[in-house]
Amino acid sequence: MDFVTFSLFVSAVIVLTITPGPDLFLIVGRGISQGRTAALFTAVGFFLAGFIQVPLLAFGLASAVARNPMLFDALRYGGGAYLMWRGIVMIRNAGQGNTISADHASAGGAIKEGFIASLVNPKSHVFLLAFLPQFVRPENGSVMVQFIFLGILMRVVALLVEGGIALFAGSIGNRLRQSQRLQGWLERIAGSLLIVVSLRLVLMDRPVVRA
């Protein structure tokens, strides 16, 4: 990949990462309600999901998700149900001090939610299927290797951008959470964002894939 193409690819990934969507909502919501650490680990979960999504794309399985309505629906309904359940639990426990806090104990839960939220979003598979091939050049060698390289590069760039967003949102949250009452409302907002993301998954239209 030449420097110009590399720069265009990285720039496109940055723009796409800061575009409002489920990933951004989850990171900002978790950062404001639970702190920088929880938000950062959520971003790490998104990053780790890429190590499954990219091979799926490289081996052609992402295309199967895009073309198979039953598989597409299984992903979005299953993922939507999980995220809705997590959002309801977060709202119910808001202000009680037993939601995931911004410490090392939250790492596993935050990573898991970020991982699942990204992996079960079928639109993310379809997006990779549409975006990455634009930068693949068969004359430059193995298409599969290029897919994997671009996919990992995309996730690394996205992680850096999302990490910055997580730190910013967490810093704002640290100030807002000085009030115990306000912290409860922030946790309710974070839970509501999870529910909004789950509904977006369930209600999304199936992609139109041309043969």
N, C-alpha and C. Protein backbone atom coordinates (compact mmCIF):
# COMPACT_ATOMS: atom_id res chain seq x y z
N MET A 1 0.85 -1.19 0.00
CA MET A 1 0.00 0.00 0.00
C MET A 1 0.89 1.24 0.00
N ASP A 2 0.66 2.14 -0.96
CA ASP A 2 1.45 3.36 -1.02
C ASP A 2 0.99 4.35 0.04
N PHE A 3 1.79 5.41 0.23
CA PHE A 3 1.53 6.36 1.31
C PHE A 3 0.20 7.07 1.14
N VAL A 4 -0.14 7.44 -0.09
CA VAL A 4 -1.40 8.15 -0.34
C VAL A 4 -2.60 7.29 0.02
N THR A 5 -2.57 6.04 -0.44
CA THR A 5 -3.67 5.12 -0.12
C THR A 5 -3.76 4.88 1.37
N PHE A 6 -2.59 4.70 2.01
CA PHE A 6 -2.55 4.50 3.46
C PHE A 6 -3.17 5.68 4.19
N SER A 7 -2.82 6.89 3.77
CA SER A 7 -3.35 8.10 4.41
C SER A 7 -4.86 8.21 4.23
N LEU A 8 -5.33 7.89 3.02
CA LEU A 8 -6.77 7.93 2.77
C LEU A 8 -7.51 6.92 3.63
N PHE A 9 -6.92 5.73 3.76
CA PHE A 9 -7.54 4.67 4.55
C PHE A 9 -7.64 5.09 6.02
N VAL A 10 -6.54 5.57 6.58
CA VAL A 10 -6.53 5.98 7.99
C VAL A 10 -7.49 7.14 8.22
N SER A 11 -7.51 8.09 7.31
CA SER A 11 -8.42 9.24 7.44
C SER A 11 -9.87 8.80 7.41
N ALA A 12 -10.19 7.86 6.52
CA ALA A 12 -11.56 7.35 6.42
C ALA A 12 -11.96 6.64 7.70
N VAL A 13 -11.05 5.87 8.27
CA VAL A 13 -11.35 5.14 9.51
C VAL A 13 -11.60 6.12 10.65
N ILE A 14 -10.79 7.17 10.73
CA ILE A 14 -10.98 8.17 11.79
C ILE A 14 -12.35 8.83 11.68
N VAL A 15 -12.71 9.23 10.46
CA VAL A 15 -14.01 9.88 10.26
C VAL A 15 -15.15 8.93 10.62
N LEU A 16 -15.04 7.69 10.20
CA LEU A 16 -16.08 6.71 10.49
C LEU A 16 -16.17 6.42 11.99
N THR A 17 -15.04 6.44 12.68
CA THR A 17 -15.03 6.13 14.11
C THR A 17 -15.73 7.22 14.92
N ILE A 18 -15.56 8.48 14.53
CA ILE A 18 -16.16 9.56 15.29
C ILE A 18 -17.59 9.87 14.84
N THR A 19 -18.07 9.16 13.82
CA THR A 19 -19.46 9.32 13.39
C THR A 19 -20.38 8.68 14.42
N PRO A 20 -21.41 9.39 14.90
CA PRO A 20 -22.31 8.82 15.91
C PRO A 20 -22.88 7.47 15.50
N GLY A 21 -22.79 6.51 16.41
CA GLY A 21 -23.28 5.16 16.16
C GLY A 21 -23.23 4.37 17.45
N PRO A 22 -23.63 3.09 17.43
CA PRO A 22 -23.67 2.28 18.64
C PRO A 22 -22.37 2.26 19.42
N ASP A 23 -21.22 2.07 18.75
CA ASP A 23 -19.94 2.01 19.45
C ASP A 23 -19.66 3.32 20.20
N LEU A 24 -19.86 4.43 19.51
CA LEU A 24 -19.60 5.74 20.13
C LEU A 24 -20.53 5.99 21.30
N PHE A 25 -21.81 5.64 21.16
CA PHE A 25 -22.77 5.82 22.24
C PHE A 25 -22.36 5.02 23.48
N LEU A 26 -21.94 3.78 23.27
CA LEU A 26 -21.57 2.94 24.40
C LEU A 26 -20.34 3.48 25.12
N ILE A 27 -19.35 3.92 24.37
CA ILE A 27 -18.12 4.44 24.99
C ILE A 27 -18.41 5.72 25.77
N VAL A 28 -19.12 6.65 25.14
CA VAL A 28 -19.43 7.91 25.81
C VAL A 28 -20.31 7.67 27.04
N GLY A 29 -21.34 6.85 26.88
CA GLY A 29 -22.23 6.57 28.00
C GLY A 29 -21.51 5.92 29.16
N ARG A 30 -20.64 4.96 28.86
CA ARG A 30 -19.91 4.28 29.93
C ARG A 30 -18.88 5.21 30.55
N GLY A 31 -18.24 6.05 29.74
CA GLY A 31 -17.26 6.98 30.27
C GLY A 31 -17.89 7.99 31.23
N ILE A 32 -19.02 8.55 30.85
CA ILE A 32 -19.68 9.55 31.68
C ILE A 32 -20.25 8.93 32.95
N SER A 33 -20.83 7.75 32.84
CA SER A 33 -21.50 7.16 34.00
C SER A 33 -20.58 6.35 34.89
N GLN A 34 -19.49 5.76 34.32
CA GLN A 34 -18.69 4.83 35.10
C GLN A 34 -17.19 5.09 35.07
N GLY A 35 -16.75 6.07 34.29
CA GLY A 35 -15.35 6.46 34.35
C GLY A 35 -14.52 6.03 33.15
N ARG A 36 -13.28 6.53 33.14
CA ARG A 36 -12.38 6.31 32.01
C ARG A 36 -12.00 4.85 31.83
N THR A 37 -11.76 4.16 32.95
CA THR A 37 -11.31 2.77 32.84
C THR A 37 -12.36 1.89 32.17
N ALA A 38 -13.61 2.03 32.61
CA ALA A 38 -14.69 1.23 32.02
C ALA A 38 -14.86 1.55 30.54
N ALA A 39 -14.76 2.84 30.18
CA ALA A 39 -14.90 3.24 28.78
C ALA A 39 -13.75 2.69 27.94
N LEU A 40 -12.53 2.76 28.47
CA LEU A 40 -11.38 2.24 27.74
C LEU A 40 -11.48 0.74 27.50
N PHE A 41 -11.93 0.01 28.51
CA PHE A 41 -12.05 -1.44 28.35
C PHE A 41 -13.19 -1.80 27.39
N THR A 42 -14.21 -0.94 27.31
CA THR A 42 -15.26 -1.16 26.31
C THR A 42 -14.67 -1.03 24.91
N ALA A 43 -13.81 -0.03 24.71
CA ALA A 43 -13.14 0.14 23.42
C ALA A 43 -12.24 -1.05 23.11
N VAL A 44 -11.59 -1.59 24.14
CA VAL A 44 -10.76 -2.78 23.94
C VAL A 44 -11.63 -3.95 23.48
N GLY A 45 -12.84 -4.05 24.01
CA GLY A 45 -13.76 -5.10 23.58
C GLY A 45 -14.10 -4.98 22.10
N PHE A 46 -14.33 -3.74 21.62
CA PHE A 46 -14.56 -3.53 20.20
C PHE A 46 -13.35 -4.00 19.39
N PHE A 47 -12.16 -3.66 19.88
CA PHE A 47 -10.93 -4.03 19.20
C PHE A 47 -10.78 -5.54 19.09
N LEU A 48 -11.02 -6.24 20.18
CA LEU A 48 -10.87 -7.70 20.18
C LEU A 48 -11.88 -8.37 19.26
N ALA A 49 -13.07 -7.79 19.13
CA ALA A 49 -14.08 -8.36 18.23
C ALA A 49 -13.57 -8.39 16.80
N GLY A 50 -12.69 -7.45 16.47
CA GLY A 50 -12.14 -7.41 15.12
C GLY A 50 -11.34 -8.65 14.76
N PHE A 51 -10.77 -9.33 15.75
CA PHE A 51 -9.98 -10.52 15.48
C PHE A 51 -10.85 -11.72 15.10
N ILE A 52 -12.16 -11.56 15.25
CA ILE A 52 -13.10 -12.55 14.73
C ILE A 52 -13.73 -12.04 13.44
N GLN A 53 -14.10 -10.76 13.42
CA GLN A 53 -14.77 -10.20 12.25
C GLN A 53 -13.88 -10.20 11.01
N VAL A 54 -12.61 -9.85 11.19
CA VAL A 54 -11.71 -9.76 10.02
C VAL A 54 -11.49 -11.12 9.39
N PRO A 55 -11.17 -12.18 10.15
CA PRO A 55 -11.06 -13.51 9.52
C PRO A 55 -12.36 -13.96 8.86
N LEU A 56 -13.51 -13.60 9.46
CA LEU A 56 -14.79 -13.94 8.83
C LEU A 56 -14.88 -13.31 7.45
N LEU A 57 -14.43 -12.07 7.35
CA LEU A 57 -14.45 -11.38 6.07
C LEU A 57 -13.45 -12.02 5.11
N ALA A 58 -12.24 -12.29 5.60
CA ALA A 58 -11.20 -12.84 4.73
C ALA A 58 -11.59 -14.19 4.16
N PHE A 59 -12.31 -14.99 4.94
CA PHE A 59 -12.72 -16.32 4.47
C PHE A 59 -14.09 -16.32 3.82
N GLY A 60 -14.66 -15.13 3.62
CA GLY A 60 -15.92 -15.03 2.90
C GLY A 60 -17.16 -15.25 3.73
N LEU A 61 -17.01 -15.42 5.06
CA LEU A 61 -18.19 -15.69 5.89
C LEU A 61 -19.00 -14.44 6.17
N ALA A 62 -18.36 -13.26 6.11
CA ALA A 62 -19.12 -12.03 6.29
C ALA A 62 -20.15 -11.86 5.19
N SER A 63 -19.78 -12.32 3.99
CA SER A 63 -20.73 -12.27 2.88
C SER A 63 -21.94 -13.14 3.16
N ALA A 64 -21.71 -14.26 3.85
CA ALA A 64 -22.83 -15.15 4.20
C ALA A 64 -23.78 -14.46 5.17
N VAL A 65 -23.23 -13.67 6.10
CA VAL A 65 -24.08 -12.92 7.03
C VAL A 65 -24.92 -11.90 6.27
N ALA A 66 -24.30 -11.25 5.28
CA ALA A 66 -25.02 -10.23 4.52
C ALA A 66 -26.12 -10.83 3.65
N ARG A 67 -25.88 -12.04 3.14
CA ARG A 67 -26.81 -12.63 2.18
C ARG A 67 -27.83 -13.57 2.81
N ASN A 68 -27.60 -13.99 4.04
CA ASN A 68 -28.49 -14.96 4.68
C ASN A 68 -29.39 -14.24 5.69
N PRO A 69 -30.67 -14.04 5.36
CA PRO A 69 -31.57 -13.32 6.27
C PRO A 69 -31.70 -13.97 7.64
N MET A 70 -31.71 -15.29 7.70
CA MET A 70 -31.87 -15.97 8.99
C MET A 70 -30.66 -15.74 9.88
N LEU A 71 -29.46 -15.81 9.31
CA LEU A 71 -28.25 -15.58 10.08
C LEU A 71 -28.16 -14.13 10.52
N PHE A 72 -28.51 -13.23 9.62
CA PHE A 72 -28.52 -11.80 9.95
C PHE A 72 -29.48 -11.53 11.11
N ASP A 73 -30.68 -12.11 11.05
CA ASP A 73 -31.67 -11.90 12.10
C ASP A 73 -31.25 -12.55 13.42
N ALA A 74 -30.62 -13.71 13.34
CA ALA A 74 -30.17 -14.38 14.57
C ALA A 74 -29.15 -13.51 15.31
N LEU A 75 -28.26 -12.90 14.56
CA LEU A 75 -27.25 -12.03 15.17
C LEU A 75 -27.90 -10.80 15.81
N ARG A 76 -28.76 -10.14 15.06
CA ARG A 76 -29.29 -8.88 15.58
C ARG A 76 -30.28 -9.10 16.72
N TYR A 77 -31.11 -10.16 16.64
CA TYR A 77 -32.06 -10.40 17.73
C TYR A 77 -31.36 -10.90 18.99
N GLY A 78 -30.40 -11.80 18.81
CA GLY A 78 -29.66 -12.29 19.96
C GLY A 78 -28.86 -11.19 20.62
N GLY A 79 -28.15 -10.41 19.81
CA GLY A 79 -27.37 -9.31 20.36
C GLY A 79 -28.25 -8.23 20.97
N GLY A 80 -29.37 -7.93 20.32
CA GLY A 80 -30.28 -6.92 20.86
C GLY A 80 -30.86 -7.34 22.20
N ALA A 81 -31.21 -8.61 22.34
CA ALA A 81 -31.76 -9.10 23.60
C ALA A 81 -30.74 -8.99 24.73
N TYR A 82 -29.49 -9.34 24.43
CA TYR A 82 -28.44 -9.28 25.45
C TYR A 82 -28.21 -7.85 25.91
N LEU A 83 -28.07 -6.92 24.96
CA LEU A 83 -27.81 -5.53 25.31
C LEU A 83 -29.00 -4.90 26.04
N MET A 84 -30.22 -5.27 25.65
CA MET A 84 -31.39 -4.74 26.34
C MET A 84 -31.42 -5.23 27.78
N TRP A 85 -31.11 -6.50 27.99
CA TRP A 85 -31.06 -7.04 29.35
C TRP A 85 -30.03 -6.31 30.19
N ARG A 86 -28.83 -6.06 29.63
CA ARG A 86 -27.79 -5.35 30.37
C ARG A 86 -28.23 -3.92 30.69
N GLY A 87 -28.92 -3.28 29.74
CA GLY A 87 -29.39 -1.92 29.99
C GLY A 87 -30.43 -1.87 31.10
N ILE A 88 -31.35 -2.83 31.10
CA ILE A 88 -32.39 -2.88 32.14
C ILE A 88 -31.77 -3.12 33.51
N VAL A 89 -30.80 -4.03 33.59
CA VAL A 89 -30.11 -4.29 34.85
C VAL A 89 -29.40 -3.04 35.35
N MET A 90 -28.75 -2.32 34.44
CA MET A 90 -28.03 -1.11 34.81
C MET A 90 -28.99 -0.05 35.36
N ILE A 91 -30.15 0.09 34.73
CA ILE A 91 -31.14 1.07 35.19
C ILE A 91 -31.70 0.67 36.55
N ARG A 92 -31.99 -0.61 36.72
CA ARG A 92 -32.55 -1.09 37.99
C ARG A 92 -31.57 -0.90 39.15
N ASN A 93 -30.27 -1.06 38.87
CA ASN A 93 -29.26 -0.96 39.93
C ASN A 93 -28.67 0.44 40.07
N ALA A 94 -29.17 1.39 39.27
CA ALA A 94 -28.60 2.73 39.28
C ALA A 94 -28.67 3.35 40.67
N GLY A 95 -27.55 3.93 41.10
CA GLY A 95 -27.50 4.62 42.38
C GLY A 95 -27.33 3.73 43.58
N GLN A 96 -27.24 2.42 43.37
CA GLN A 96 -27.10 1.48 44.49
C GLN A 96 -25.66 1.10 44.76
N GLY A 97 -24.75 1.56 43.87
CA GLY A 97 -23.34 1.28 44.09
C GLY A 97 -22.90 -0.10 43.70
N ASN A 98 -23.76 -0.88 43.03
CA ASN A 98 -23.37 -2.24 42.65
C ASN A 98 -23.35 -2.44 41.15
N THR A 99 -23.36 -1.34 40.38
CA THR A 99 -23.12 -1.48 38.96
C THR A 99 -21.63 -1.55 38.72
N ILE A 100 -21.23 -1.86 37.50
CA ILE A 100 -19.81 -1.96 37.19
C ILE A 100 -19.15 -0.61 37.43
N SER A 101 -18.14 -0.56 38.28
CA SER A 101 -17.48 0.69 38.61
C SER A 101 -16.23 0.87 37.78
N ALA A 102 -15.65 2.07 37.90
CA ALA A 102 -14.48 2.39 37.09
C ALA A 102 -13.21 1.94 37.79
N ASP A 103 -13.04 0.67 38.00
CA ASP A 103 -11.81 0.13 38.57
C ASP A 103 -11.44 -1.12 37.81
N HIS A 104 -10.36 -1.78 38.23
CA HIS A 104 -9.88 -2.94 37.49
C HIS A 104 -10.89 -4.08 37.49
N ALA A 105 -11.76 -4.13 38.51
CA ALA A 105 -12.74 -5.21 38.56
C ALA A 105 -13.74 -5.11 37.43
N SER A 106 -13.86 -3.90 36.82
CA SER A 106 -14.83 -3.72 35.75
C SER A 106 -14.30 -4.18 34.41
N ALA A 107 -13.01 -4.52 34.34
CA ALA A 107 -12.39 -4.80 33.05
C ALA A 107 -13.11 -5.91 32.30
N GLY A 108 -13.33 -7.04 32.96
CA GLY A 108 -13.95 -8.17 32.28
C GLY A 108 -15.32 -7.86 31.75
N GLY A 109 -16.16 -7.22 32.58
CA GLY A 109 -17.51 -6.90 32.15
C GLY A 109 -17.54 -5.90 31.01
N ALA A 110 -16.70 -4.86 31.10
CA ALA A 110 -16.68 -3.84 30.06
C ALA A 110 -16.16 -4.39 28.74
N ILE A 111 -15.09 -5.21 28.81
CA ILE A 111 -14.55 -5.82 27.60
C ILE A 111 -15.59 -6.74 26.97
N LYS A 112 -16.27 -7.53 27.80
CA LYS A 112 -17.27 -8.47 27.29
C LYS A 112 -18.41 -7.74 26.59
N GLU A 113 -18.90 -6.67 27.20
CA GLU A 113 -20.00 -5.94 26.58
C GLU A 113 -19.58 -5.28 25.27
N GLY A 114 -18.38 -4.70 25.25
CA GLY A 114 -17.89 -4.11 24.01
C GLY A 114 -17.70 -5.15 22.93
N PHE A 115 -17.15 -6.30 23.32
CA PHE A 115 -16.91 -7.40 22.39
C PHE A 115 -18.21 -7.92 21.80
N ILE A 116 -19.18 -8.18 22.65
CA ILE A 116 -20.46 -8.71 22.19
C ILE A 116 -21.22 -7.69 21.36
N ALA A 117 -21.22 -6.43 21.83
CA ALA A 117 -21.95 -5.38 21.10
C ALA A 117 -21.44 -5.24 19.67
N SER A 118 -20.13 -5.35 19.49
CA SER A 118 -19.57 -5.22 18.15
C SER A 118 -19.79 -6.49 17.33
N LEU A 119 -19.61 -7.64 17.98
CA LEU A 119 -19.66 -8.90 17.24
C LEU A 119 -21.06 -9.24 16.78
N VAL A 120 -22.07 -8.92 17.59
CA VAL A 120 -23.44 -9.31 17.23
C VAL A 120 -24.14 -8.26 16.38
N ASN A 121 -23.45 -7.19 16.05
CA ASN A 121 -24.04 -6.18 15.17
C ASN A 121 -23.79 -6.59 13.73
N PRO A 122 -24.79 -7.15 13.05
CA PRO A 122 -24.56 -7.63 11.68
C PRO A 122 -24.18 -6.53 10.71
N LYS A 123 -24.61 -5.30 11.00
CA LYS A 123 -24.27 -4.20 10.11
C LYS A 123 -22.76 -3.94 10.10
N SER A 124 -22.08 -4.25 11.23
CA SER A 124 -20.63 -4.05 11.25
C SER A 124 -19.94 -5.03 10.31
N HIS A 125 -20.47 -6.26 10.22
CA HIS A 125 -19.92 -7.24 9.27
C HIS A 125 -20.17 -6.77 7.83
N VAL A 126 -21.38 -6.29 7.59
CA VAL A 126 -21.72 -5.82 6.26
C VAL A 126 -20.89 -4.60 5.89
N PHE A 127 -20.66 -3.72 6.86
CA PHE A 127 -19.84 -2.54 6.61
C PHE A 127 -18.42 -2.93 6.22
N LEU A 128 -17.82 -3.86 6.95
CA LEU A 128 -16.48 -4.31 6.60
C LEU A 128 -16.45 -4.89 5.19
N LEU A 129 -17.52 -5.60 4.86
CA LEU A 129 -17.63 -6.22 3.54
C LEU A 129 -17.66 -5.17 2.44
N ALA A 130 -18.22 -4.00 2.75
CA ALA A 130 -18.32 -2.94 1.74
C ALA A 130 -17.10 -2.02 1.74
N PHE A 131 -16.50 -1.82 2.91
CA PHE A 131 -15.43 -0.82 3.05
C PHE A 131 -14.05 -1.35 2.67
N LEU A 132 -13.64 -2.46 3.26
CA LEU A 132 -12.27 -2.93 3.07
C LEU A 132 -11.91 -3.27 1.62
N PRO A 133 -12.82 -3.90 0.85
CA PRO A 133 -12.44 -4.26 -0.53
C PRO A 133 -12.04 -3.07 -1.40
N GLN A 134 -12.46 -1.86 -1.02
CA GLN A 134 -12.10 -0.69 -1.80
C GLN A 134 -10.60 -0.40 -1.77
N PHE A 135 -9.91 -0.95 -0.76
CA PHE A 135 -8.49 -0.69 -0.60
C PHE A 135 -7.63 -1.93 -0.90
N VAL A 136 -8.27 -2.99 -1.35
CA VAL A 136 -7.54 -4.22 -1.69
C VAL A 136 -7.14 -4.17 -3.17
N ARG A 137 -5.90 -4.48 -3.44
CA ARG A 137 -5.39 -4.50 -4.81
C ARG A 137 -4.83 -5.89 -5.11
N PRO A 138 -5.54 -6.69 -5.92
CA PRO A 138 -5.08 -8.06 -6.22
C PRO A 138 -3.67 -8.12 -6.78
N GLU A 139 -3.26 -7.07 -7.50
CA GLU A 139 -1.92 -7.07 -8.08
C GLU A 139 -0.82 -6.93 -7.02
N ASN A 140 -1.22 -6.59 -5.78
CA ASN A 140 -0.23 -6.41 -4.72
C ASN A 140 0.01 -7.67 -3.90
N GLY A 141 -0.62 -8.78 -4.31
CA GLY A 141 -0.39 -10.03 -3.59
C GLY A 141 -1.69 -10.64 -3.09
N SER A 142 -1.56 -11.52 -2.10
CA SER A 142 -2.71 -12.26 -1.56
C SER A 142 -3.82 -11.33 -1.09
N VAL A 143 -5.00 -11.54 -1.62
CA VAL A 143 -6.15 -10.74 -1.21
C VAL A 143 -6.49 -11.00 0.25
N MET A 144 -6.39 -12.24 0.68
CA MET A 144 -6.71 -12.59 2.06
C MET A 144 -5.77 -11.88 3.03
N VAL A 145 -4.49 -11.88 2.72
CA VAL A 145 -3.51 -11.21 3.58
C VAL A 145 -3.80 -9.71 3.64
N GLN A 146 -4.16 -9.12 2.51
CA GLN A 146 -4.49 -7.69 2.49
C GLN A 146 -5.73 -7.41 3.34
N PHE A 147 -6.73 -8.27 3.24
CA PHE A 147 -7.93 -8.10 4.06
C PHE A 147 -7.57 -8.11 5.54
N ILE A 148 -6.78 -9.09 5.94
CA ILE A 148 -6.42 -9.22 7.35
C ILE A 148 -5.60 -8.01 7.81
N PHE A 149 -4.63 -7.59 6.98
CA PHE A 149 -3.81 -6.43 7.34
C PHE A 149 -4.66 -5.17 7.48
N LEU A 150 -5.53 -4.91 6.51
CA LEU A 150 -6.37 -3.72 6.55
C LEU A 150 -7.35 -3.78 7.72
N GLY A 151 -7.89 -4.96 7.97
CA GLY A 151 -8.83 -5.11 9.07
C GLY A 151 -8.18 -4.81 10.42
N ILE A 152 -6.98 -5.35 10.62
CA ILE A 152 -6.26 -5.10 11.88
C ILE A 152 -5.87 -3.63 11.98
N LEU A 153 -5.39 -3.06 10.86
CA LEU A 153 -5.03 -1.64 10.86
C LEU A 153 -6.24 -0.78 11.20
N MET A 154 -7.38 -1.12 10.64
CA MET A 154 -8.60 -0.38 10.91
C MET A 154 -8.95 -0.43 12.40
N ARG A 155 -8.83 -1.60 13.00
CA ARG A 155 -9.15 -1.75 14.41
C ARG A 155 -8.16 -1.01 15.30
N VAL A 156 -6.89 -1.01 14.92
CA VAL A 156 -5.88 -0.29 15.72
C VAL A 156 -6.16 1.21 15.70
N VAL A 157 -6.42 1.76 14.50
CA VAL A 157 -6.72 3.19 14.39
C VAL A 157 -7.99 3.52 15.17
N ALA A 158 -9.01 2.69 15.02
CA ALA A 158 -10.27 2.93 15.74
C ALA A 158 -10.06 2.87 17.25
N LEU A 159 -9.21 1.95 17.71
CA LEU A 159 -8.94 1.83 19.14
C LEU A 159 -8.29 3.10 19.68
N LEU A 160 -7.34 3.66 18.92
CA LEU A 160 -6.67 4.89 19.35
C LEU A 160 -7.66 6.05 19.44
N VAL A 161 -8.53 6.16 18.43
CA VAL A 161 -9.52 7.24 18.43
C VAL A 161 -10.54 7.04 19.56
N GLU A 162 -11.05 5.82 19.67
CA GLU A 162 -12.04 5.53 20.71
C GLU A 162 -11.43 5.66 22.10
N GLY A 163 -10.13 5.33 22.23
CA GLY A 163 -9.47 5.51 23.51
C GLY A 163 -9.43 6.97 23.93
N GLY A 164 -9.16 7.85 22.96
CA GLY A 164 -9.17 9.28 23.26
C GLY A 164 -10.55 9.76 23.66
N ILE A 165 -11.58 9.27 22.97
CA ILE A 165 -12.96 9.63 23.30
C ILE A 165 -13.31 9.12 24.69
N ALA A 166 -12.86 7.90 25.02
CA ALA A 166 -13.14 7.31 26.33
C ALA A 166 -12.53 8.14 27.44
N LEU A 167 -11.29 8.59 27.25
CA LEU A 167 -10.63 9.42 28.26
C LEU A 167 -11.35 10.75 28.45
N PHE A 168 -11.76 11.33 27.33
CA PHE A 168 -12.47 12.62 27.39
C PHE A 168 -13.81 12.47 28.11
N ALA A 169 -14.59 11.46 27.71
CA ALA A 169 -15.90 11.24 28.34
C ALA A 169 -15.73 10.89 29.81
N GLY A 170 -14.70 10.09 30.12
CA GLY A 170 -14.47 9.72 31.51
C GLY A 170 -14.09 10.90 32.37
N SER A 171 -13.32 11.84 31.81
CA SER A 171 -12.93 13.03 32.56
C SER A 171 -14.15 13.88 32.89
N ILE A 172 -15.06 14.02 31.93
CA ILE A 172 -16.29 14.75 32.19
C ILE A 172 -17.12 14.03 33.25
N GLY A 173 -17.19 12.71 33.11
CA GLY A 173 -17.95 11.92 34.08
C GLY A 173 -17.42 12.03 35.48
N ASN A 174 -16.09 12.09 35.63
CA ASN A 174 -15.49 12.20 36.97
C ASN A 174 -15.97 13.45 37.69
N ARG A 175 -16.14 14.52 36.94
CA ARG A 175 -16.64 15.76 37.54
C ARG A 175 -18.12 15.67 37.88
N LEU A 176 -18.88 15.06 36.97
CA LEU A 176 -20.32 14.99 37.17
C LEU A 176 -20.71 14.04 38.30
N ARG A 177 -19.88 13.00 38.51
CA ARG A 177 -20.24 11.98 39.49
C ARG A 177 -19.91 12.37 40.93
N GLN A 178 -19.54 13.63 41.15
CA GLN A 178 -19.28 14.07 42.52
C GLN A 178 -20.55 13.99 43.36
N SER A 179 -21.69 14.13 42.70
CA SER A 179 -22.98 14.02 43.38
C SER A 179 -23.49 12.58 43.27
N GLN A 180 -23.80 11.96 44.40
CA GLN A 180 -24.31 10.58 44.40
C GLN A 180 -25.63 10.49 43.65
N ARG A 181 -26.48 11.49 43.84
CA ARG A 181 -27.77 11.49 43.15
C ARG A 181 -27.58 11.59 41.65
N LEU A 182 -26.67 12.50 41.23
CA LEU A 182 -26.42 12.66 39.80
C LEU A 182 -25.79 11.40 39.22
N GLN A 183 -24.95 10.72 40.00
CA GLN A 183 -24.34 9.49 39.51
C GLN A 183 -25.40 8.45 39.19
N GLY A 184 -26.44 8.37 40.02
CA GLY A 184 -27.53 7.44 39.74
C GLY A 184 -28.20 7.74 38.42
N TRP A 185 -28.42 9.03 38.14
CA TRP A 185 -29.04 9.41 36.87
C TRP A 185 -28.12 9.13 35.69
N LEU A 186 -26.82 9.34 35.89
CA LEU A 186 -25.87 9.03 34.82
C LEU A 186 -25.87 7.54 34.50
N GLU A 187 -25.99 6.71 35.52
CA GLU A 187 -26.05 5.26 35.29
C GLU A 187 -27.34 4.89 34.57
N ARG A 188 -28.43 5.58 34.89
CA ARG A 188 -29.68 5.33 34.17
C ARG A 188 -29.55 5.74 32.70
N ILE A 189 -28.85 6.83 32.45
CA ILE A 189 -28.63 7.27 31.07
C ILE A 189 -27.81 6.23 30.31
N ALA A 190 -26.75 5.71 30.97
CA ALA A 190 -25.92 4.68 30.33
C ALA A 190 -26.74 3.44 30.02
N GLY A 191 -27.59 3.04 30.95
CA GLY A 191 -28.46 1.88 30.70
C GLY A 191 -29.43 2.14 29.57
N SER A 192 -29.95 3.37 29.53
CA SER A 192 -30.87 3.73 28.44
C SER A 192 -30.18 3.70 27.09
N LEU A 193 -28.90 4.11 27.05
CA LEU A 193 -28.15 4.05 25.80
C LEU A 193 -27.99 2.62 25.32
N LEU A 194 -27.77 1.69 26.26
CA LEU A 194 -27.68 0.28 25.89
C LEU A 194 -29.00 -0.19 25.28
N ILE A 195 -30.10 0.23 25.86
CA ILE A 195 -31.41 -0.17 25.34
C ILE A 195 -31.64 0.43 23.96
N VAL A 196 -31.24 1.69 23.77
CA VAL A 196 -31.37 2.33 22.45
C VAL A 196 -30.57 1.57 21.41
N VAL A 197 -29.33 1.18 21.76
CA VAL A 197 -28.50 0.42 20.84
C VAL A 197 -29.14 -0.92 20.52
N SER A 198 -29.72 -1.57 21.55
CA SER A 198 -30.36 -2.87 21.31
C SER A 198 -31.55 -2.73 20.37
N LEU A 199 -32.35 -1.68 20.55
CA LEU A 199 -33.49 -1.46 19.67
C LEU A 199 -33.04 -1.15 18.24
N ARG A 200 -31.93 -0.43 18.14
CA ARG A 200 -31.40 -0.13 16.81
C ARG A 200 -31.00 -1.42 16.10
N LEU A 201 -30.42 -2.35 16.84
CA LEU A 201 -30.05 -3.64 16.25
C LEU A 201 -31.29 -4.41 15.78
N VAL A 202 -32.29 -4.45 16.65
CA VAL A 202 -33.49 -5.24 16.35
C VAL A 202 -34.29 -4.65 15.19
N LEU A 203 -34.35 -3.32 15.12
CA LEU A 203 -35.20 -2.66 14.14
C LEU A 203 -34.50 -2.30 12.83
N MET A 204 -33.19 -2.57 12.75
CA MET A 204 -32.46 -2.21 11.53
C MET A 204 -32.99 -2.98 10.33
N ASP A 205 -32.89 -2.38 9.16
CA ASP A 205 -33.29 -3.03 7.92
C ASP A 205 -32.21 -4.01 7.49
N ARG A 206 -32.63 -5.07 6.82
CA ARG A 206 -31.66 -5.98 6.24
C ARG A 206 -30.95 -5.30 5.07
N PRO A 207 -29.67 -5.56 4.91
CA PRO A 207 -28.96 -4.94 3.79
C PRO A 207 -29.38 -5.52 2.46
N VAL A 208 -29.32 -4.70 1.44
CA VAL A 208 -29.58 -5.18 0.08
C VAL A 208 -28.24 -5.50 -0.57
N VAL A 209 -27.97 -6.77 -0.79
CA VAL A 209 -26.70 -7.20 -1.36
C VAL A 209 -26.92 -7.62 -2.80
N ARG A 210 -26.23 -6.96 -3.67
CA ARG A 210 -26.38 -7.29 -5.10
C ARG A 210 -25.49 -8.45 -5.47
N ALA A 211 -25.99 -9.28 -6.33
CA ALA A 211 -25.22 -10.44 -6.77
C ALA A 211 -24.09 -10.00 -7.66
